Amino acid sequence: MAAPQRRYQNLAPEPWRLSCQPDPHGLACQLVNRTAQRYDEGYGLFIPYSGKRLLVLGRGPGVAVTWQVSTVDGDPDKTAVVTIAPAKVPVGADTWAEP
């Protein structure tokens, strides 16, 4: 009889350790504790920016990010068009409750 195995144990979230630098938009942060064999829950949050994948934290109400990939071949991060602008309206605490 084989020992039971817990499925998807590599999908458990882990705390992030960030290395941040000041940026015109606020802070540009790189994840420094990423491991190679785990689910990447930060994919939509860490954007191609300044030649790296960074988390951009904005001042005040935050930032609005537009991320357009212009190709499906090769590395989409190298061909992505990313624009960052100050957010016009802060996201409310109950925004996610809306249908």
PDB file of N, CA and C in Angstrom:
ATOM      1  N   MET A   1       0.842  -1.185   0.000  1.00  0.00           N
ATOM      2  CA  MET A   1       0.000   0.000   0.000  1.00  0.00           C
ATOM      3  C   MET A   1       0.883   1.243   0.000  1.00  0.00           C
ATOM      4  N   ALA A   2       0.599   2.165  -0.897  1.00  0.00           N
ATOM      5  CA  ALA A   2       1.391   3.389  -1.013  1.00  0.00           C
ATOM      6  C   ALA A   2       0.912   4.425  -0.004  1.00  0.00           C
ATOM      7  N   ALA A   3       1.836   5.240   0.429  1.00  0.00           N
ATOM      8  CA  ALA A   3       1.489   6.326   1.355  1.00  0.00           C
ATOM      9  C   ALA A   3       0.645   7.365   0.625  1.00  0.00           C
ATOM     10  N   PRO A   4      -0.345   7.963   1.291  1.00  0.00           N
ATOM     11  CA  PRO A   4      -1.169   8.989   0.631  1.00  0.00           C
ATOM     12  C   PRO A   4      -0.317  10.199   0.259  1.00  0.00           C
ATOM     13  N   GLN A   5      -0.661  10.803  -0.865  1.00  0.00           N
ATOM     14  CA  GLN A   5       0.049  11.993  -1.314  1.00  0.00           C
ATOM     15  C   GLN A   5      -0.918  13.166  -1.370  1.00  0.00           C
ATOM     16  N   ARG A   6      -0.473  14.270  -0.884  1.00  0.00           N
ATOM     17  CA  ARG A   6      -1.285  15.479  -0.943  1.00  0.00           C
ATOM     18  C   ARG A   6      -1.147  16.087  -2.334  1.00  0.00           C
ATOM     19  N   ARG A   7      -2.257  16.263  -3.012  1.00  0.00           N
ATOM     20  CA  ARG A   7      -2.215  16.828  -4.359  1.00  0.00           C
ATOM     21  C   ARG A   7      -2.022  18.337  -4.315  1.00  0.00           C
ATOM     22  N   TYR A   8      -1.374  18.843  -5.332  1.00  0.00           N
ATOM     23  CA  TYR A   8      -1.210  20.281  -5.534  1.00  0.00           C
ATOM     24  C   TYR A   8      -0.526  20.985  -4.361  1.00  0.00           C
ATOM     25  N   GLN A   9       0.342  20.289  -3.673  1.00  0.00           N
ATOM     26  CA  GLN A   9       1.001  20.937  -2.547  1.00  0.00           C
ATOM     27  C   GLN A   9       1.934  22.059  -2.998  1.00  0.00           C
ATOM     28  N   ASN A  10       2.355  22.027  -4.257  1.00  0.00           N
ATOM     29  CA  ASN A  10       3.204  23.109  -4.759  1.00  0.00           C
ATOM     30  C   ASN A  10       2.399  24.345  -5.129  1.00  0.00           C
ATOM     31  N   LEU A  11       1.076  24.304  -4.986  1.00  0.00           N
ATOM     32  CA  LEU A  11       0.248  25.461  -5.309  1.00  0.00           C
ATOM     33  C   LEU A  11      -0.059  26.333  -4.094  1.00  0.00           C
ATOM     34  N   ALA A  12       0.405  25.907  -2.936  1.00  0.00           N
ATOM     35  CA  ALA A  12       0.141  26.692  -1.729  1.00  0.00           C
ATOM     36  C   ALA A  12       0.861  28.033  -1.835  1.00  0.00           C
ATOM     37  N   PRO A  13       0.189  29.130  -1.502  1.00  0.00           N
ATOM     38  CA  PRO A  13       0.848  30.436  -1.580  1.00  0.00           C
ATOM     39  C   PRO A  13       1.975  30.538  -0.557  1.00  0.00           C
ATOM     40  N   GLU A  14       2.990  31.258  -0.925  1.00  0.00           N
ATOM     41  CA  GLU A  14       4.119  31.513  -0.037  1.00  0.00           C
ATOM     42  C   GLU A  14       4.279  33.015   0.117  1.00  0.00           C
ATOM     43  N   PRO A  15       4.835  33.457   1.242  1.00  0.00           N
ATOM     44  CA  PRO A  15       5.084  34.900   1.395  1.00  0.00           C
ATOM     45  C   PRO A  15       6.086  35.378   0.338  1.00  0.00           C
ATOM     46  N   TRP A  16       5.899  36.599  -0.104  1.00  0.00           N
ATOM     47  CA  TRP A  16       6.823  37.187  -1.065  1.00  0.00           C
ATOM     48  C   TRP A  16       7.839  38.046  -0.334  1.00  0.00           C
ATOM     49  N   ARG A  17       9.084  37.984  -0.767  1.00  0.00           N
ATOM     50  CA  ARG A  17      10.115  38.906  -0.301  1.00  0.00           C
ATOM     51  C   ARG A  17      10.480  39.749  -1.509  1.00  0.00           C
ATOM     52  N   LEU A  18      10.290  41.047  -1.383  1.00  0.00           N
ATOM     53  CA  LEU A  18      10.479  41.964  -2.497  1.00  0.00           C
ATOM     54  C   LEU A  18      11.707  42.832  -2.298  1.00  0.00           C
ATOM     55  N   SER A  19      12.359  43.134  -3.392  1.00  0.00           N
ATOM     56  CA  SER A  19      13.433  44.123  -3.416  1.00  0.00           C
ATOM     57  C   SER A  19      12.910  45.281  -4.260  1.00  0.00           C
ATOM     58  N   CYS A  20      12.730  46.447  -3.648  1.00  0.00           N
ATOM     59  CA  CYS A  20      12.075  47.574  -4.322  1.00  0.00           C
ATOM     60  C   CYS A  20      13.018  48.750  -4.513  1.00  0.00           C
ATOM     61  N   GLN A  21      12.797  49.456  -5.612  1.00  0.00           N
ATOM     62  CA  GLN A  21      13.536  50.667  -5.935  1.00  0.00           C
ATOM     63  C   GLN A  21      12.531  51.775  -6.239  1.00  0.00           C
ATOM     64  N   PRO A  22      12.851  53.023  -5.878  1.00  0.00           N
ATOM     65  CA  PRO A  22      11.962  54.124  -6.249  1.00  0.00           C
ATOM     66  C   PRO A  22      11.838  54.228  -7.768  1.00  0.00           C
ATOM     67  N   ASP A  23      10.671  54.623  -8.211  1.00  0.00           N
ATOM     68  CA  ASP A  23      10.357  54.708  -9.627  1.00  0.00           C
ATOM     69  C   ASP A  23       9.459  55.934  -9.806  1.00  0.00           C
ATOM     70  N   PRO A  24       9.387  56.513 -10.991  1.00  0.00           N
ATOM     71  CA  PRO A  24       8.499  57.661 -11.182  1.00  0.00           C
ATOM     72  C   PRO A  24       7.029  57.370 -10.826  1.00  0.00           C
ATOM     73  N   HIS A  25       6.618  56.110 -10.888  1.00  0.00           N
ATOM     74  CA  HIS A  25       5.234  55.741 -10.579  1.00  0.00           C
ATOM     75  C   HIS A  25       5.037  55.389  -9.110  1.00  0.00           C
ATOM     76  N   GLY A  26       6.101  55.190  -8.362  1.00  0.00           N
ATOM     77  CA  GLY A  26       6.024  54.781  -6.955  1.00  0.00           C
ATOM     78  C   GLY A  26       7.205  53.885  -6.618  1.00  0.00           C
ATOM     79  N   LEU A  27       6.947  52.575  -6.552  1.00  0.00           N
ATOM     80  CA  LEU A  27       8.003  51.595  -6.310  1.00  0.00           C
ATOM     81  C   LEU A  27       7.949  50.520  -7.381  1.00  0.00           C
ATOM     82  N   ALA A  28       9.109  50.098  -7.847  1.00  0.00           N
ATOM     83  CA  ALA A  28       9.225  48.976  -8.769  1.00  0.00           C
ATOM     84  C   ALA A  28       9.919  47.864  -7.994  1.00  0.00           C
ATOM     85  N   CYS A  29       9.224  46.735  -7.813  1.00  0.00           N
ATOM     86  CA  CYS A  29       9.706  45.670  -6.937  1.00  0.00           C
ATOM     87  C   CYS A  29       9.931  44.370  -7.692  1.00  0.00           C
ATOM     88  N   GLN A  30      11.015  43.717  -7.360  1.00  0.00           N
ATOM     89  CA  GLN A  30      11.343  42.416  -7.921  1.00  0.00           C
ATOM     90  C   GLN A  30      11.176  41.357  -6.833  1.00  0.00           C
ATOM     91  N   LEU A  31      10.621  40.211  -7.200  1.00  0.00           N
ATOM     92  CA  LEU A  31      10.448  39.102  -6.266  1.00  0.00           C
ATOM     93  C   LEU A  31      11.790  38.398  -6.117  1.00  0.00           C
ATOM     94  N   VAL A  32      12.306  38.330  -4.897  1.00  0.00           N
ATOM     95  CA  VAL A  32      13.644  37.750  -4.693  1.00  0.00           C
ATOM     96  C   VAL A  32      13.612  36.343  -4.117  1.00  0.00           C
ATOM     97  N   ASN A  33      12.455  35.836  -3.744  1.00  0.00           N
ATOM     98  CA  ASN A  33      12.415  34.486  -3.182  1.00  0.00           C
ATOM     99  C   ASN A  33      11.629  33.522  -4.057  1.00  0.00           C
ATOM    100  N   ARG A  34      11.657  33.723  -5.357  1.00  0.00           N
ATOM    101  CA  ARG A  34      10.952  32.829  -6.285  1.00  0.00           C
ATOM    102  C   ARG A  34      11.707  31.512  -6.389  1.00  0.00           C
ATOM    103  N   THR A  35      10.968  30.418  -6.328  1.00  0.00           N
ATOM    104  CA  THR A  35      11.561  29.104  -6.528  1.00  0.00           C
ATOM    105  C   THR A  35      11.171  28.594  -7.902  1.00  0.00           C
ATOM    106  N   ALA A  36      11.965  27.701  -8.441  1.00  0.00           N
ATOM    107  CA  ALA A  36      11.786  27.269  -9.826  1.00  0.00           C
ATOM    108  C   ALA A  36      10.576  26.354 -10.039  1.00  0.00           C
ATOM    109  N   GLN A  37      10.247  25.507  -9.083  1.00  0.00           N
ATOM    110  CA  GLN A  37       9.221  24.506  -9.321  1.00  0.00           C
ATOM    111  C   GLN A  37       7.975  24.780  -8.490  1.00  0.00           C
ATOM    112  N   ARG A  38       7.317  25.864  -8.792  1.00  0.00           N
ATOM    113  CA  ARG A  38       6.077  26.162  -8.093  1.00  0.00           C
ATOM    114  C   ARG A  38       5.161  26.976  -8.993  1.00  0.00           C
ATOM    115  N   TYR A  39       3.922  26.996  -8.630  1.00  0.00           N
ATOM    116  CA  TYR A  39       2.928  27.762  -9.371  1.00  0.00           C
ATOM    117  C   TYR A  39       3.260  29.247  -9.262  1.00  0.00           C
ATOM    118  N   ASP A  40       3.159  29.952 -10.348  1.00  0.00           N
ATOM    119  CA  ASP A  40       3.504  31.371 -10.365  1.00  0.00           C
ATOM    120  C   ASP A  40       2.248  32.222 -10.214  1.00  0.00           C
ATOM    121  N   GLU A  41       1.816  32.427  -8.977  1.00  0.00           N
ATOM    122  CA  GLU A  41       0.604  33.207  -8.745  1.00  0.00           C
ATOM    123  C   GLU A  41       0.800  34.688  -9.027  1.00  0.00           C
ATOM    124  N   GLY A  42       2.033  35.128  -9.225  1.00  0.00           N
ATOM    125  CA  GLY A  42       2.284  36.532  -9.501  1.00  0.00           C
ATOM    126  C   GLY A  42       2.298  36.878 -10.969  1.00  0.00           C
ATOM    127  N   TYR A  43       1.971  35.927 -11.866  1.00  0.00           N
ATOM    128  CA  TYR A  43       2.112  36.183 -13.301  1.00  0.00           C
ATOM    129  C   TYR A  43       1.385  37.445 -13.753  1.00  0.00           C
ATOM    130  N   GLY A  44       0.160  37.652 -13.348  1.00  0.00           N
ATOM    131  CA  GLY A  44      -0.588  38.824 -13.781  1.00  0.00           C
ATOM    132  C   GLY A  44      -0.253  40.093 -13.016  1.00  0.00           C
ATOM    133  N   LEU A  45       0.515  39.973 -11.947  1.00  0.00           N
ATOM    134  CA  LEU A  45       0.865  41.137 -11.130  1.00  0.00           C
ATOM    135  C   LEU A  45       2.249  41.669 -11.454  1.00  0.00           C
ATOM    136  N   PHE A  46       3.166  40.775 -11.789  1.00  0.00           N
ATOM    137  CA  PHE A  46       4.527  41.167 -12.146  1.00  0.00           C
ATOM    138  C   PHE A  46       4.559  41.352 -13.650  1.00  0.00           C
ATOM    139  N   ILE A  47       4.800  42.584 -14.078  1.00  0.00           N
ATOM    140  CA  ILE A  47       4.698  42.932 -15.492  1.00  0.00           C
ATOM    141  C   ILE A  47       6.086  43.113 -16.103  1.00  0.00           C
ATOM    142  N   PRO A  48       6.217  42.936 -17.425  1.00  0.00           N
ATOM    143  CA  PRO A  48       7.481  43.239 -18.073  1.00  0.00           C
ATOM    144  C   PRO A  48       7.705  44.751 -18.041  1.00  0.00           C
ATOM    145  N   TYR A  49       8.734  45.160 -17.325  1.00  0.00           N
ATOM    146  CA  TYR A  49       8.976  46.589 -17.112  1.00  0.00           C
ATOM    147  C   TYR A  49      10.469  46.781 -16.891  1.00  0.00           C
ATOM    148  N   SER A  50      11.064  47.675 -17.624  1.00  0.00           N
ATOM    149  CA  SER A  50      12.501  47.964 -17.530  1.00  0.00           C
ATOM    150  C   SER A  50      13.355  46.710 -17.728  1.00  0.00           C
ATOM    151  N   GLY A  51      12.918  45.815 -18.618  1.00  0.00           N
ATOM    152  CA  GLY A  51      13.695  44.623 -18.936  1.00  0.00           C
ATOM    153  C   GLY A  51      13.596  43.504 -17.917  1.00  0.00           C
ATOM    154  N   LYS A  52      12.732  43.655 -16.919  1.00  0.00           N
ATOM    155  CA  LYS A  52      12.551  42.626 -15.889  1.00  0.00           C
ATOM    156  C   LYS A  52      11.067  42.430 -15.661  1.00  0.00           C
ATOM    157  N   ARG A  53      10.728  41.458 -14.842  1.00  0.00           N
ATOM    158  CA  ARG A  53       9.335  41.295 -14.388  1.00  0.00           C
ATOM    159  C   ARG A  53       9.244  41.925 -13.014  1.00  0.00           C
ATOM    160  N   LEU A  54       8.467  43.004 -12.927  1.00  0.00           N
ATOM    161  CA  LEU A  54       8.400  43.779 -11.694  1.00  0.00           C
ATOM    162  C   LEU A  54       6.952  43.984 -11.254  1.00  0.00           C
ATOM    163  N   LEU A  55       6.798  44.168  -9.965  1.00  0.00           N
ATOM    164  CA  LEU A  55       5.529  44.574  -9.373  1.00  0.00           C
ATOM    165  C   LEU A  55       5.623  46.080  -9.169  1.00  0.00           C
ATOM    166  N   VAL A  56       4.726  46.826  -9.788  1.00  0.00           N
ATOM    167  CA  VAL A  56       4.759  48.282  -9.673  1.00  0.00           C
ATOM    168  C   VAL A  56       3.706  48.712  -8.660  1.00  0.00           C
ATOM    169  N   LEU A  57       4.159  49.371  -7.608  1.00  0.00           N
ATOM    170  CA  LEU A  57       3.280  49.870  -6.551  1.00  0.00           C
ATOM    171  C   LEU A  57       3.204  51.379  -6.681  1.00  0.00           C
ATOM    172  N   GLY A  58       2.000  51.889  -6.920  1.00  0.00           N
ATOM    173  CA  GLY A  58       1.835  53.312  -7.183  1.00  0.00           C
ATOM    174  C   GLY A  58       1.579  54.131  -5.942  1.00  0.00           C
ATOM    175  N   ARG A  59       1.788  55.418  -6.106  1.00  0.00           N
ATOM    176  CA  ARG A  59       1.494  56.382  -5.037  1.00  0.00           C
ATOM    177  C   ARG A  59       0.006  56.689  -5.013  1.00  0.00           C
ATOM    178  N   GLY A  60      -0.449  57.218  -3.909  1.00  0.00           N
ATOM    179  CA  GLY A  60      -1.842  57.664  -3.806  1.00  0.00           C
ATOM    180  C   GLY A  60      -2.826  56.576  -4.162  1.00  0.00           C
ATOM    181  N   PRO A  61      -3.686  56.811  -5.171  1.00  0.00           N
ATOM    182  CA  PRO A  61      -4.686  55.806  -5.525  1.00  0.00           C
ATOM    183  C   PRO A  61      -4.114  54.626  -6.305  1.00  0.00           C
ATOM    184  N   GLY A  62      -2.815  54.616  -6.587  1.00  0.00           N
ATOM    185  CA  GLY A  62      -2.194  53.493  -7.295  1.00  0.00           C
ATOM    186  C   GLY A  62      -1.950  53.784  -8.757  1.00  0.00           C
ATOM    187  N   VAL A  63      -1.748  52.719  -9.512  1.00  0.00           N
ATOM    188  CA  VAL A  63      -1.450  52.853 -10.932  1.00  0.00           C
ATOM    189  C   VAL A  63      -2.420  52.021 -11.763  1.00  0.00           C
ATOM    190  N   ALA A  64      -2.608  52.437 -12.996  1.00  0.00           N
ATOM    191  CA  ALA A  64      -3.380  51.676 -13.983  1.00  0.00           C
ATOM    192  C   ALA A  64      -2.383  51.135 -15.000  1.00  0.00           C
ATOM    193  N   VAL A  65      -2.389  49.833 -15.193  1.00  0.00           N
ATOM    194  CA  VAL A  65      -1.436  49.181 -16.095  1.00  0.00           C
ATOM    195  C   VAL A  65      -2.186  48.629 -17.293  1.00  0.00           C
ATOM    196  N   THR A  66      -1.694  48.936 -18.483  1.00  0.00           N
ATOM    197  CA  THR A  66      -2.184  48.331 -19.717  1.00  0.00           C
ATOM    198  C   THR A  66      -1.050  47.483 -20.259  1.00  0.00           C
ATOM    199  N   TRP A  67      -1.344  46.207 -20.499  1.00  0.00           N
ATOM    200  CA  TRP A  67      -0.311  45.251 -20.920  1.00  0.00           C
ATOM    201  C   TRP A  67      -0.819  44.552 -22.169  1.00  0.00           C
ATOM    202  N   GLN A  68      -0.225  44.879 -23.312  1.00  0.00           N
ATOM    203  CA  GLN A  68      -0.646  44.291 -24.575  1.00  0.00           C
ATOM    204  C   GLN A  68       0.505  43.485 -25.154  1.00  0.00           C
ATOM    205  N   VAL A  69       0.230  42.234 -25.451  1.00  0.00           N
ATOM    206  CA  VAL A  69       1.231  41.371 -26.074  1.00  0.00           C
ATOM    207  C   VAL A  69       1.004  41.427 -27.566  1.00  0.00           C
ATOM    208  N   SER A  70       2.077  41.683 -28.327  1.00  0.00           N
ATOM    209  CA  SER A  70       1.919  41.866 -29.761  1.00  0.00           C
ATOM    210  C   SER A  70       2.270  40.629 -30.575  1.00  0.00           C
ATOM    211  N   THR A  71       2.647  39.541 -29.917  1.00  0.00           N
ATOM    212  CA  THR A  71       2.973  38.317 -30.647  1.00  0.00           C
ATOM    213  C   THR A  71       2.701  37.097 -29.785  1.00  0.00           C
ATOM    214  N   VAL A  72       2.485  35.980 -30.431  1.00  0.00           N
ATOM    215  CA  VAL A  72       2.338  34.730 -29.694  1.00  0.00           C
ATOM    216  C   VAL A  72       3.585  33.869 -29.865  1.00  0.00           C
ATOM    217  N   ASP A  73       4.474  34.273 -30.763  1.00  0.00           N
ATOM    218  CA  ASP A  73       5.725  33.552 -30.990  1.00  0.00           C
ATOM    219  C   ASP A  73       6.833  34.149 -30.137  1.00  0.00           C
ATOM    220  N   GLY A  74       7.759  33.317 -29.730  1.00  0.00           N
ATOM    221  CA  GLY A  74       8.905  33.811 -28.976  1.00  0.00           C
ATOM    222  C   GLY A  74       8.538  34.204 -27.559  1.00  0.00           C
ATOM    223  N   ASP A  75       9.225  35.207 -27.052  1.00  0.00           N
ATOM    224  CA  ASP A  75       9.032  35.671 -25.683  1.00  0.00           C
ATOM    225  C   ASP A  75       8.069  36.850 -25.678  1.00  0.00           C
ATOM    226  N   PRO A  76       6.822  36.657 -25.205  1.00  0.00           N
ATOM    227  CA  PRO A  76       5.863  37.764 -25.245  1.00  0.00           C
ATOM    228  C   PRO A  76       6.272  38.944 -24.372  1.00  0.00           C
ATOM    229  N   ASP A  77       7.088  38.717 -23.338  1.00  0.00           N
ATOM    230  CA  ASP A  77       7.535  39.834 -22.508  1.00  0.00           C
ATOM    231  C   ASP A  77       8.393  40.816 -23.302  1.00  0.00           C
ATOM    232  N   LYS A  78       9.150  40.328 -24.262  1.00  0.00           N
ATOM    233  CA  LYS A  78      10.033  41.210 -25.039  1.00  0.00           C
ATOM    234  C   LYS A  78       9.260  42.050 -26.038  1.00  0.00           C
ATOM    235  N   THR A  79       8.094  41.567 -26.455  1.00  0.00           N
ATOM    236  CA  THR A  79       7.310  42.319 -27.441  1.00  0.00           C
ATOM    237  C   THR A  79       6.105  43.012 -26.820  1.00  0.00           C
ATOM    238  N   ALA A  80       5.930  42.861 -25.523  1.00  0.00           N
ATOM    239  CA  ALA A  80       4.768  43.466 -24.857  1.00  0.00           C
ATOM    240  C   ALA A  80       4.884  44.985 -24.844  1.00  0.00           C
ATOM    241  N   VAL A  81       3.738  45.625 -24.977  1.00  0.00           N
ATOM    242  CA  VAL A  81       3.658  47.073 -24.850  1.00  0.00           C
ATOM    243  C   VAL A  81       2.962  47.343 -23.524  1.00  0.00           C
ATOM    244  N   VAL A  82       3.723  47.873 -22.577  1.00  0.00           N
ATOM    245  CA  VAL A  82       3.203  48.118 -21.234  1.00  0.00           C
ATOM    246  C   VAL A  82       3.175  49.616 -20.985  1.00  0.00           C
ATOM    247  N   THR A  83       2.008  50.112 -20.596  1.00  0.00           N
ATOM    248  CA  THR A  83       1.907  51.520 -20.212  1.00  0.00           C
ATOM    249  C   THR A  83       1.435  51.589 -18.764  1.00  0.00           C
ATOM    250  N   ILE A  84       2.005  52.534 -18.045  1.00  0.00           N
ATOM    251  CA  ILE A  84       1.671  52.723 -16.634  1.00  0.00           C
ATOM    252  C   ILE A  84       1.286  54.183 -16.444  1.00  0.00           C
ATOM    253  N   ALA A  85       0.145  54.401 -15.818  1.00  0.00           N
ATOM    254  CA  ALA A  85      -0.336  55.755 -15.568  1.00  0.00           C
ATOM    255  C   ALA A  85      -0.963  55.796 -14.180  1.00  0.00           C
ATOM    256  N   PRO A  86      -1.033  56.965 -13.581  1.00  0.00           N
ATOM    257  CA  PRO A  86      -1.712  57.055 -12.284  1.00  0.00           C
ATOM    258  C   PRO A  86      -3.168  56.601 -12.414  1.00  0.00           C
ATOM    259  N   ALA A  87      -3.653  55.878 -11.427  1.00  0.00           N
ATOM    260  CA  ALA A  87      -5.046  55.438 -11.434  1.00  0.00           C
ATOM    261  C   ALA A  87      -5.960  56.640 -11.236  1.00  0.00           C
ATOM    262  N   LYS A  88      -7.096  56.645 -11.915  1.00  0.00           N
ATOM    263  CA  LYS A  88      -8.027  57.758 -11.800  1.00  0.00           C
ATOM    264  C   LYS A  88      -8.923  57.628 -10.577  1.00  0.00           C
ATOM    265  N   VAL A  89      -9.308  56.402 -10.258  1.00  0.00           N
ATOM    266  CA  VAL A  89     -10.196  56.172  -9.119  1.00  0.00           C
ATOM    267  C   VAL A  89      -9.626  55.008  -8.318  1.00  0.00           C
ATOM    268  N   PRO A  90      -9.468  55.156  -7.018  1.00  0.00           N
ATOM    269  CA  PRO A  90      -8.974  54.005  -6.255  1.00  0.00           C
ATOM    270  C   PRO A  90     -10.003  52.873  -6.238  1.00  0.00           C
ATOM    271  N   VAL A  91      -9.508  51.653  -6.173  1.00  0.00           N
ATOM    272  CA  VAL A  91     -10.380  50.487  -6.107  1.00  0.00           C
ATOM    273  C   VAL A  91     -10.947  50.403  -4.700  1.00  0.00           C
ATOM    274  N   GLY A  92     -12.265  50.321  -4.596  1.00  0.00           N
ATOM    275  CA  GLY A  92     -12.916  50.220  -3.294  1.00  0.00           C
ATOM    276  C   GLY A  92     -12.782  48.829  -2.701  1.00  0.00           C
ATOM    277  N   ALA A  93     -12.925  48.733  -1.403  1.00  0.00           N
ATOM    278  CA  ALA A  93     -12.804  47.448  -0.706  1.00  0.00           C
ATOM    279  C   ALA A  93     -13.879  46.463  -1.147  1.00  0.00           C
ATOM    280  N   ASP A  94     -15.024  46.950  -1.631  1.00  0.00           N
ATOM    281  CA  ASP A  94     -16.119  46.063  -2.021  1.00  0.00           C
ATOM    282  C   ASP A  94     -16.224  45.855  -3.531  1.00  0.00           C
ATOM    283  N   THR A  95     -15.242  46.320  -4.303  1.00  0.00           N
ATOM    284  CA  THR A  95     -15.290  46.205  -5.754  1.00  0.00           C
ATOM    285  C   THR A  95     -15.434  44.765  -6.195  1.00  0.00           C
ATOM    286  N   TRP A  96     -14.769  43.836  -5.529  1.00  0.00           N
ATOM    287  CA  TRP A  96     -14.761  42.429  -5.929  1.00  0.00           C
ATOM    288  C   TRP A  96     -16.099  41.757  -5.638  1.00  0.00           C
ATOM    289  N   ALA A  97     -16.961  42.386  -4.861  1.00  0.00           N
ATOM    290  CA  ALA A  97     -18.267  41.810  -4.545  1.00  0.00           C
ATOM    291  C   ALA A  97     -19.275  42.071  -5.663  1.00  0.00           C
ATOM    292  N   GLU A  98     -18.953  42.984  -6.564  1.00  0.00           N
ATOM    293  CA  GLU A  98     -19.882  43.340  -7.640  1.00  0.00           C
ATOM    294  C   GLU A  98     -19.919  42.221  -8.678  1.00  0.00           C
ATOM    295  N   PRO A  99     -21.101  41.967  -9.254  1.00  0.00           N
ATOM    296  CA  PRO A  99     -21.207  40.898 -10.283  1.00  0.00           C
ATOM    297  C   PRO A  99     -20.505  41.284 -11.572  1.00  0.00           C
TER     298      PRO A  99
END
